Amino acid sequence: MQATLDEIINRYKPGSRESLLPLLQDIQIEFGYLNEEAILKVGQHIKLPSSKVYGIATFYDQFRFVQKGKFHIKVCRGTSCHMHGSANILREVERVLNIKEGHTTRDGRFSLEAVSCMGACGSAPVMNVNGEFKTSIAIADIVKIIDLYRSTI
């Protein structure tokens, strides 16, 4: 991982602050998230304190700081999904997996993310697991859906 991280960072000119976002994006594309080592090395490379790098990265919701699970679950929190109970869906997924939104299970199998819209408003509430949409879901469906993915591991 370190060699690949160094390779990505070295593609960018040292001290070039305008390369911060593309650099962070390249690291996230490669590893799926930004870890502490990446934040520190990027800060050193572009001559910014790591606290500033982290602060800028947290401003954008595209960046993750926890590695995704094998099965990444997204729960839509857009207006239509909200009106159809997606807050309860999110809470039920948190309960079943015993994690909070933005986290990954200890075994690395599942991660959970709330997103602002998935563009499937007519099928609300919507959940997505690794790109596979689950539409018009009810709280009672959550255990079945998660068990389906647990059985494939």
N, C-alpha and C. Protein backbone atom coordinates (compact mmCIF):
# COMPACT_ATOMS: atom_id res chain seq x y z
N MET A 1 0.82 -1.19 0.00
CA MET A 1 0.00 0.00 0.00
C MET A 1 0.87 1.26 0.00
N GLN A 2 1.92 1.27 0.80
CA GLN A 2 2.76 2.46 0.91
C GLN A 2 3.42 2.81 -0.42
N ALA A 3 3.90 1.81 -1.14
CA ALA A 3 4.54 2.08 -2.43
C ALA A 3 3.54 2.68 -3.41
N THR A 4 2.34 2.15 -3.43
CA THR A 4 1.31 2.66 -4.33
C THR A 4 0.91 4.08 -3.93
N LEU A 5 0.80 4.32 -2.62
CA LEU A 5 0.48 5.66 -2.14
C LEU A 5 1.56 6.66 -2.56
N ASP A 6 2.81 6.27 -2.37
CA ASP A 6 3.92 7.15 -2.78
C ASP A 6 3.90 7.41 -4.29
N GLU A 7 3.58 6.39 -5.06
CA GLU A 7 3.52 6.53 -6.52
C GLU A 7 2.45 7.54 -6.93
N ILE A 8 1.29 7.47 -6.28
CA ILE A 8 0.20 8.41 -6.59
C ILE A 8 0.61 9.83 -6.21
N ILE A 9 1.15 9.99 -5.03
CA ILE A 9 1.53 11.32 -4.55
C ILE A 9 2.61 11.93 -5.45
N ASN A 10 3.56 11.12 -5.88
CA ASN A 10 4.67 11.63 -6.69
C ASN A 10 4.27 12.03 -8.12
N ARG A 11 3.03 11.73 -8.50
CA ARG A 11 2.53 12.19 -9.80
C ARG A 11 2.28 13.71 -9.78
N TYR A 12 2.22 14.26 -8.59
CA TYR A 12 1.89 15.67 -8.42
C TYR A 12 3.10 16.47 -7.96
N LYS A 13 3.16 17.69 -8.43
CA LYS A 13 4.26 18.59 -8.11
C LYS A 13 4.28 18.90 -6.61
N PRO A 14 5.43 18.76 -5.96
CA PRO A 14 5.53 19.09 -4.53
C PRO A 14 5.17 20.56 -4.29
N GLY A 15 4.45 20.81 -3.20
CA GLY A 15 4.06 22.16 -2.83
C GLY A 15 2.91 22.74 -3.64
N SER A 16 2.34 21.94 -4.52
CA SER A 16 1.26 22.41 -5.39
C SER A 16 -0.10 22.22 -4.70
N ARG A 17 -0.55 23.26 -4.04
CA ARG A 17 -1.81 23.18 -3.29
C ARG A 17 -3.03 23.00 -4.18
N GLU A 18 -2.95 23.48 -5.42
CA GLU A 18 -4.10 23.31 -6.32
C GLU A 18 -4.30 21.85 -6.72
N SER A 19 -3.34 21.00 -6.43
CA SER A 19 -3.49 19.58 -6.75
C SER A 19 -4.10 18.77 -5.60
N LEU A 20 -4.46 19.45 -4.51
CA LEU A 20 -4.98 18.73 -3.34
C LEU A 20 -6.17 17.84 -3.66
N LEU A 21 -7.21 18.40 -4.24
CA LEU A 21 -8.41 17.60 -4.50
C LEU A 21 -8.17 16.48 -5.50
N PRO A 22 -7.53 16.73 -6.64
CA PRO A 22 -7.26 15.61 -7.55
C PRO A 22 -6.39 14.52 -6.90
N LEU A 23 -5.46 14.93 -6.07
CA LEU A 23 -4.60 13.97 -5.37
C LEU A 23 -5.41 13.10 -4.42
N LEU A 24 -6.26 13.73 -3.63
CA LEU A 24 -7.12 12.98 -2.71
C LEU A 24 -8.07 12.06 -3.48
N GLN A 25 -8.59 12.55 -4.60
CA GLN A 25 -9.49 11.72 -5.41
C GLN A 25 -8.76 10.49 -5.96
N ASP A 26 -7.53 10.67 -6.44
CA ASP A 26 -6.77 9.54 -6.96
C ASP A 26 -6.49 8.50 -5.87
N ILE A 27 -6.18 8.97 -4.68
CA ILE A 27 -5.92 8.05 -3.57
C ILE A 27 -7.19 7.29 -3.22
N GLN A 28 -8.31 7.99 -3.18
CA GLN A 28 -9.56 7.31 -2.84
C GLN A 28 -9.96 6.32 -3.93
N ILE A 29 -9.73 6.66 -5.19
CA ILE A 29 -10.04 5.73 -6.27
C ILE A 29 -9.23 4.45 -6.11
N GLU A 30 -7.98 4.59 -5.74
CA GLU A 30 -7.10 3.42 -5.60
C GLU A 30 -7.44 2.58 -4.37
N PHE A 31 -7.67 3.22 -3.24
CA PHE A 31 -7.82 2.48 -1.98
C PHE A 31 -9.25 2.42 -1.45
N GLY A 32 -10.14 3.26 -1.99
CA GLY A 32 -11.53 3.25 -1.54
C GLY A 32 -11.81 4.19 -0.38
N TYR A 33 -10.78 4.76 0.20
CA TYR A 33 -10.93 5.68 1.33
C TYR A 33 -9.61 6.39 1.55
N LEU A 34 -9.65 7.40 2.42
CA LEU A 34 -8.44 8.14 2.79
C LEU A 34 -8.09 7.78 4.23
N ASN A 35 -6.93 7.17 4.43
CA ASN A 35 -6.54 6.84 5.80
C ASN A 35 -5.61 7.91 6.36
N GLU A 36 -5.24 7.76 7.61
CA GLU A 36 -4.41 8.75 8.29
C GLU A 36 -3.06 8.92 7.60
N GLU A 37 -2.47 7.81 7.18
CA GLU A 37 -1.17 7.88 6.50
C GLU A 37 -1.26 8.71 5.23
N ALA A 38 -2.32 8.52 4.46
CA ALA A 38 -2.50 9.27 3.22
C ALA A 38 -2.65 10.77 3.51
N ILE A 39 -3.43 11.11 4.50
CA ILE A 39 -3.62 12.52 4.87
C ILE A 39 -2.28 13.15 5.26
N LEU A 40 -1.50 12.45 6.07
CA LEU A 40 -0.20 12.96 6.51
C LEU A 40 0.76 13.15 5.33
N LYS A 41 0.84 12.15 4.47
CA LYS A 41 1.78 12.22 3.34
C LYS A 41 1.37 13.30 2.34
N VAL A 42 0.08 13.44 2.10
CA VAL A 42 -0.39 14.48 1.19
C VAL A 42 -0.03 15.85 1.76
N GLY A 43 -0.26 16.04 3.06
CA GLY A 43 0.09 17.30 3.70
C GLY A 43 1.57 17.64 3.56
N GLN A 44 2.41 16.64 3.78
CA GLN A 44 3.85 16.85 3.65
C GLN A 44 4.22 17.21 2.20
N HIS A 45 3.59 16.52 1.27
CA HIS A 45 3.93 16.71 -0.15
C HIS A 45 3.53 18.10 -0.66
N ILE A 46 2.35 18.55 -0.26
CA ILE A 46 1.90 19.85 -0.79
C ILE A 46 2.14 20.99 0.20
N LYS A 47 2.84 20.68 1.28
CA LYS A 47 3.24 21.70 2.26
C LYS A 47 2.04 22.36 2.94
N LEU A 48 1.12 21.51 3.39
CA LEU A 48 -0.04 21.96 4.17
C LEU A 48 -0.10 21.12 5.44
N PRO A 49 -0.48 21.70 6.56
CA PRO A 49 -0.65 20.87 7.76
C PRO A 49 -1.71 19.79 7.51
N SER A 50 -1.50 18.63 8.07
CA SER A 50 -2.46 17.53 7.86
C SER A 50 -3.84 17.91 8.38
N SER A 51 -3.92 18.77 9.39
CA SER A 51 -5.23 19.21 9.89
C SER A 51 -5.99 19.99 8.81
N LYS A 52 -5.28 20.75 8.00
CA LYS A 52 -5.91 21.49 6.89
C LYS A 52 -6.36 20.53 5.80
N VAL A 53 -5.51 19.56 5.48
CA VAL A 53 -5.86 18.56 4.46
C VAL A 53 -7.12 17.82 4.89
N TYR A 54 -7.14 17.38 6.14
CA TYR A 54 -8.30 16.66 6.68
C TYR A 54 -9.53 17.58 6.68
N GLY A 55 -9.36 18.82 7.10
CA GLY A 55 -10.47 19.76 7.13
C GLY A 55 -11.08 19.99 5.75
N ILE A 56 -10.24 20.11 4.75
CA ILE A 56 -10.73 20.30 3.39
C ILE A 56 -11.42 19.03 2.90
N ALA A 57 -10.81 17.88 3.17
CA ALA A 57 -11.39 16.61 2.71
C ALA A 57 -12.75 16.35 3.36
N THR A 58 -12.91 16.71 4.63
CA THR A 58 -14.20 16.48 5.30
C THR A 58 -15.29 17.41 4.80
N PHE A 59 -14.91 18.51 4.17
CA PHE A 59 -15.90 19.43 3.60
C PHE A 59 -16.67 18.76 2.46
N TYR A 60 -16.00 17.91 1.70
CA TYR A 60 -16.60 17.25 0.54
C TYR A 60 -17.11 15.87 0.93
N ASP A 61 -18.39 15.61 0.63
CA ASP A 61 -18.95 14.32 1.02
C ASP A 61 -18.51 13.17 0.13
N GLN A 62 -17.72 13.43 -0.88
CA GLN A 62 -17.22 12.36 -1.74
C GLN A 62 -16.12 11.55 -1.08
N PHE A 63 -15.48 12.12 -0.05
CA PHE A 63 -14.34 11.43 0.57
C PHE A 63 -14.79 10.60 1.76
N ARG A 64 -14.20 9.41 1.85
CA ARG A 64 -14.47 8.48 2.95
C ARG A 64 -13.20 8.33 3.77
N PHE A 65 -13.35 8.10 5.06
CA PHE A 65 -12.21 7.94 5.96
C PHE A 65 -12.21 6.58 6.63
N VAL A 66 -13.16 5.75 6.23
CA VAL A 66 -13.26 4.39 6.73
C VAL A 66 -13.40 3.49 5.51
N GLN A 67 -12.68 2.41 5.50
CA GLN A 67 -12.74 1.49 4.37
C GLN A 67 -14.13 0.89 4.23
N LYS A 68 -14.61 0.80 3.01
CA LYS A 68 -15.91 0.19 2.75
C LYS A 68 -15.86 -1.29 3.04
N GLY A 69 -17.02 -1.83 3.40
CA GLY A 69 -17.14 -3.26 3.59
C GLY A 69 -17.26 -3.98 2.26
N LYS A 70 -17.20 -5.29 2.31
CA LYS A 70 -17.38 -6.09 1.10
C LYS A 70 -18.74 -5.76 0.47
N PHE A 71 -19.73 -5.54 1.32
CA PHE A 71 -21.06 -5.14 0.88
C PHE A 71 -21.32 -3.73 1.40
N HIS A 72 -21.35 -2.76 0.49
CA HIS A 72 -21.56 -1.37 0.88
C HIS A 72 -23.03 -1.02 0.68
N ILE A 73 -23.69 -0.70 1.77
CA ILE A 73 -25.12 -0.39 1.75
C ILE A 73 -25.31 1.12 1.78
N LYS A 74 -26.10 1.61 0.84
CA LYS A 74 -26.47 3.02 0.82
C LYS A 74 -27.98 3.10 1.03
N VAL A 75 -28.37 3.97 1.94
CA VAL A 75 -29.79 4.21 2.19
C VAL A 75 -30.09 5.63 1.73
N CYS A 76 -31.06 5.76 0.85
CA CYS A 76 -31.43 7.07 0.33
C CYS A 76 -32.16 7.87 1.40
N ARG A 77 -31.77 9.15 1.51
CA ARG A 77 -32.41 10.05 2.46
C ARG A 77 -33.00 11.26 1.74
N GLY A 78 -33.20 11.12 0.44
CA GLY A 78 -33.82 12.19 -0.33
C GLY A 78 -35.25 12.44 0.11
N THR A 79 -35.85 13.48 -0.42
CA THR A 79 -37.18 13.91 0.02
C THR A 79 -38.22 12.81 -0.11
N SER A 80 -38.30 12.19 -1.26
CA SER A 80 -39.31 11.15 -1.46
C SER A 80 -39.07 9.96 -0.53
N CYS A 81 -37.82 9.54 -0.42
CA CYS A 81 -37.50 8.42 0.48
C CYS A 81 -37.78 8.80 1.93
N HIS A 82 -37.45 10.03 2.29
CA HIS A 82 -37.72 10.50 3.65
C HIS A 82 -39.22 10.43 3.94
N MET A 83 -40.01 10.89 2.99
CA MET A 83 -41.47 10.88 3.17
C MET A 83 -42.03 9.45 3.27
N HIS A 84 -41.26 8.49 2.76
CA HIS A 84 -41.69 7.09 2.80
C HIS A 84 -40.95 6.28 3.88
N GLY A 85 -40.34 6.97 4.84
CA GLY A 85 -39.80 6.28 6.02
C GLY A 85 -38.36 5.84 5.96
N SER A 86 -37.53 6.48 5.16
CA SER A 86 -36.14 6.03 5.05
C SER A 86 -35.35 6.23 6.34
N ALA A 87 -35.76 7.14 7.20
CA ALA A 87 -35.07 7.30 8.50
C ALA A 87 -35.22 6.02 9.31
N ASN A 88 -36.40 5.42 9.26
CA ASN A 88 -36.63 4.16 9.98
C ASN A 88 -35.86 3.01 9.33
N ILE A 89 -35.75 3.03 8.01
CA ILE A 89 -34.98 2.02 7.29
C ILE A 89 -33.52 2.11 7.72
N LEU A 90 -32.98 3.31 7.74
CA LEU A 90 -31.59 3.52 8.16
C LEU A 90 -31.37 3.03 9.58
N ARG A 91 -32.26 3.38 10.48
CA ARG A 91 -32.12 2.92 11.88
C ARG A 91 -32.17 1.40 11.99
N GLU A 92 -33.01 0.77 11.18
CA GLU A 92 -33.11 -0.69 11.23
C GLU A 92 -31.84 -1.35 10.69
N VAL A 93 -31.27 -0.80 9.63
CA VAL A 93 -30.01 -1.34 9.11
C VAL A 93 -28.92 -1.18 10.17
N GLU A 94 -28.87 -0.02 10.82
CA GLU A 94 -27.90 0.20 11.90
C GLU A 94 -28.09 -0.84 13.01
N ARG A 95 -29.33 -1.10 13.37
CA ARG A 95 -29.63 -2.06 14.44
C ARG A 95 -29.21 -3.47 14.04
N VAL A 96 -29.57 -3.89 12.84
CA VAL A 96 -29.28 -5.25 12.39
C VAL A 96 -27.77 -5.47 12.26
N LEU A 97 -27.06 -4.49 11.74
CA LEU A 97 -25.61 -4.64 11.54
C LEU A 97 -24.81 -4.23 12.78
N ASN A 98 -25.47 -3.58 13.73
CA ASN A 98 -24.82 -3.09 14.95
C ASN A 98 -23.69 -2.10 14.63
N ILE A 99 -23.97 -1.21 13.69
CA ILE A 99 -23.04 -0.12 13.35
C ILE A 99 -23.85 1.16 13.13
N LYS A 100 -23.17 2.26 13.14
CA LYS A 100 -23.79 3.54 12.82
C LYS A 100 -23.47 3.88 11.37
N GLU A 101 -24.27 4.76 10.81
CA GLU A 101 -24.04 5.24 9.46
C GLU A 101 -22.64 5.81 9.36
N GLY A 102 -21.95 5.50 8.26
CA GLY A 102 -20.58 5.96 8.07
C GLY A 102 -19.54 4.98 8.57
N HIS A 103 -19.97 3.84 9.10
CA HIS A 103 -19.03 2.87 9.66
C HIS A 103 -19.09 1.54 8.92
N THR A 104 -18.15 0.68 9.27
CA THR A 104 -18.03 -0.65 8.70
C THR A 104 -18.06 -1.66 9.84
N THR A 105 -18.69 -2.82 9.61
CA THR A 105 -18.72 -3.85 10.64
C THR A 105 -17.30 -4.33 10.94
N ARG A 106 -17.09 -4.83 12.14
CA ARG A 106 -15.75 -5.27 12.56
C ARG A 106 -15.16 -6.32 11.64
N ASP A 107 -16.01 -7.17 11.09
CA ASP A 107 -15.51 -8.22 10.20
C ASP A 107 -15.27 -7.73 8.78
N GLY A 108 -15.59 -6.45 8.51
CA GLY A 108 -15.35 -5.88 7.20
C GLY A 108 -16.35 -6.29 6.13
N ARG A 109 -17.41 -6.96 6.53
CA ARG A 109 -18.39 -7.43 5.55
C ARG A 109 -19.34 -6.34 5.06
N PHE A 110 -19.78 -5.48 5.98
CA PHE A 110 -20.78 -4.48 5.63
C PHE A 110 -20.33 -3.08 6.03
N SER A 111 -20.66 -2.11 5.19
CA SER A 111 -20.50 -0.71 5.54
C SER A 111 -21.82 -0.02 5.20
N LEU A 112 -22.07 1.10 5.85
CA LEU A 112 -23.36 1.77 5.72
C LEU A 112 -23.17 3.26 5.47
N GLU A 113 -23.92 3.77 4.52
CA GLU A 113 -23.84 5.18 4.17
C GLU A 113 -25.23 5.72 3.86
N ALA A 114 -25.54 6.89 4.38
CA ALA A 114 -26.77 7.59 4.01
C ALA A 114 -26.42 8.55 2.88
N VAL A 115 -27.22 8.54 1.83
CA VAL A 115 -26.95 9.41 0.68
C VAL A 115 -28.15 10.31 0.44
N SER A 116 -27.91 11.44 -0.20
CA SER A 116 -28.97 12.44 -0.34
C SER A 116 -30.00 12.10 -1.42
N CYS A 117 -29.64 11.38 -2.46
CA CYS A 117 -30.62 10.98 -3.47
C CYS A 117 -30.02 9.92 -4.38
N MET A 118 -30.83 8.96 -4.76
CA MET A 118 -30.39 7.93 -5.70
C MET A 118 -31.12 8.02 -7.03
N GLY A 119 -32.02 8.98 -7.15
CA GLY A 119 -32.73 9.17 -8.41
C GLY A 119 -33.78 8.12 -8.70
N ALA A 120 -34.27 7.46 -7.68
CA ALA A 120 -35.31 6.45 -7.86
C ALA A 120 -36.52 6.82 -7.02
N CYS A 121 -36.89 8.07 -7.08
CA CYS A 121 -37.92 8.64 -6.20
C CYS A 121 -39.27 7.93 -6.31
N GLY A 122 -39.61 7.43 -7.48
CA GLY A 122 -40.88 6.75 -7.67
C GLY A 122 -40.93 5.37 -7.02
N SER A 123 -39.79 4.90 -6.53
CA SER A 123 -39.71 3.58 -5.91
C SER A 123 -39.31 3.66 -4.44
N ALA A 124 -39.56 4.79 -3.83
CA ALA A 124 -39.12 5.05 -2.45
C ALA A 124 -39.85 4.15 -1.45
N PRO A 125 -39.17 3.84 -0.36
CA PRO A 125 -37.77 4.11 -0.04
C PRO A 125 -36.83 3.14 -0.75
N VAL A 126 -35.62 3.63 -0.98
CA VAL A 126 -34.65 2.88 -1.78
C VAL A 126 -33.37 2.64 -0.98
N MET A 127 -32.83 1.45 -1.20
CA MET A 127 -31.55 1.06 -0.61
C MET A 127 -30.73 0.45 -1.74
N ASN A 128 -29.42 0.61 -1.67
CA ASN A 128 -28.54 0.09 -2.71
C ASN A 128 -27.44 -0.71 -2.03
N VAL A 129 -27.20 -1.91 -2.51
CA VAL A 129 -26.12 -2.74 -1.99
C VAL A 129 -25.19 -3.07 -3.16
N ASN A 130 -23.98 -2.50 -3.11
CA ASN A 130 -22.99 -2.71 -4.18
C ASN A 130 -23.56 -2.48 -5.57
N GLY A 131 -24.37 -1.43 -5.70
CA GLY A 131 -24.92 -1.08 -7.00
C GLY A 131 -26.24 -1.75 -7.34
N GLU A 132 -26.70 -2.65 -6.52
CA GLU A 132 -27.97 -3.33 -6.75
C GLU A 132 -29.07 -2.63 -5.95
N PHE A 133 -30.08 -2.11 -6.65
CA PHE A 133 -31.13 -1.35 -5.99
C PHE A 133 -32.18 -2.27 -5.37
N LYS A 134 -32.60 -1.89 -4.17
CA LYS A 134 -33.71 -2.53 -3.47
C LYS A 134 -34.76 -1.42 -3.34
N THR A 135 -35.89 -1.60 -3.96
CA THR A 135 -36.88 -0.54 -4.03
C THR A 135 -38.13 -0.86 -3.22
N SER A 136 -38.84 0.19 -2.86
CA SER A 136 -40.09 0.08 -2.10
C SER A 136 -39.92 -0.84 -0.90
N ILE A 137 -38.81 -0.70 -0.20
CA ILE A 137 -38.53 -1.59 0.91
C ILE A 137 -39.26 -1.17 2.17
N ALA A 138 -39.51 -2.16 3.01
CA ALA A 138 -40.14 -1.94 4.31
C ALA A 138 -39.15 -2.39 5.39
N ILE A 139 -39.40 -1.97 6.60
CA ILE A 139 -38.52 -2.35 7.71
C ILE A 139 -38.39 -3.87 7.80
N ALA A 140 -39.48 -4.58 7.57
CA ALA A 140 -39.45 -6.04 7.64
C ALA A 140 -38.55 -6.67 6.59
N ASP A 141 -38.22 -5.95 5.53
CA ASP A 141 -37.36 -6.47 4.46
C ASP A 141 -35.88 -6.43 4.82
N ILE A 142 -35.50 -5.60 5.76
CA ILE A 142 -34.08 -5.34 6.04
C ILE A 142 -33.34 -6.62 6.45
N VAL A 143 -33.87 -7.36 7.39
CA VAL A 143 -33.20 -8.58 7.85
C VAL A 143 -33.05 -9.56 6.69
N LYS A 144 -34.08 -9.71 5.87
CA LYS A 144 -34.02 -10.63 4.72
C LYS A 144 -32.94 -10.19 3.74
N ILE A 145 -32.88 -8.90 3.46
CA ILE A 145 -31.90 -8.38 2.51
C ILE A 145 -30.48 -8.62 3.03
N ILE A 146 -30.25 -8.28 4.27
CA ILE A 146 -28.91 -8.45 4.85
C ILE A 146 -28.55 -9.92 4.95
N ASP A 147 -29.49 -10.76 5.33
CA ASP A 147 -29.22 -12.20 5.40
C ASP A 147 -28.87 -12.77 4.03
N LEU A 148 -29.48 -12.24 2.98
CA LEU A 148 -29.16 -12.68 1.62
C LEU A 148 -27.68 -12.47 1.34
N TYR A 149 -27.16 -11.30 1.72
CA TYR A 149 -25.73 -11.00 1.49
C TYR A 149 -24.83 -11.76 2.47
N ARG A 150 -25.31 -11.97 3.67
CA ARG A 150 -24.52 -12.76 4.64
C ARG A 150 -24.33 -14.19 4.12
N SER A 151 -25.32 -14.72 3.46
CA SER A 151 -25.25 -16.10 2.99
C SER A 151 -24.32 -16.26 1.80
N THR A 152 -23.95 -15.16 1.14
CA THR A 152 -23.06 -15.25 -0.03
C THR A 152 -21.59 -15.15 0.37
N ILE A 153 -21.34 -14.94 1.64
CA ILE A 153 -19.95 -14.74 2.08
C ILE A 153 -19.29 -16.07 2.33
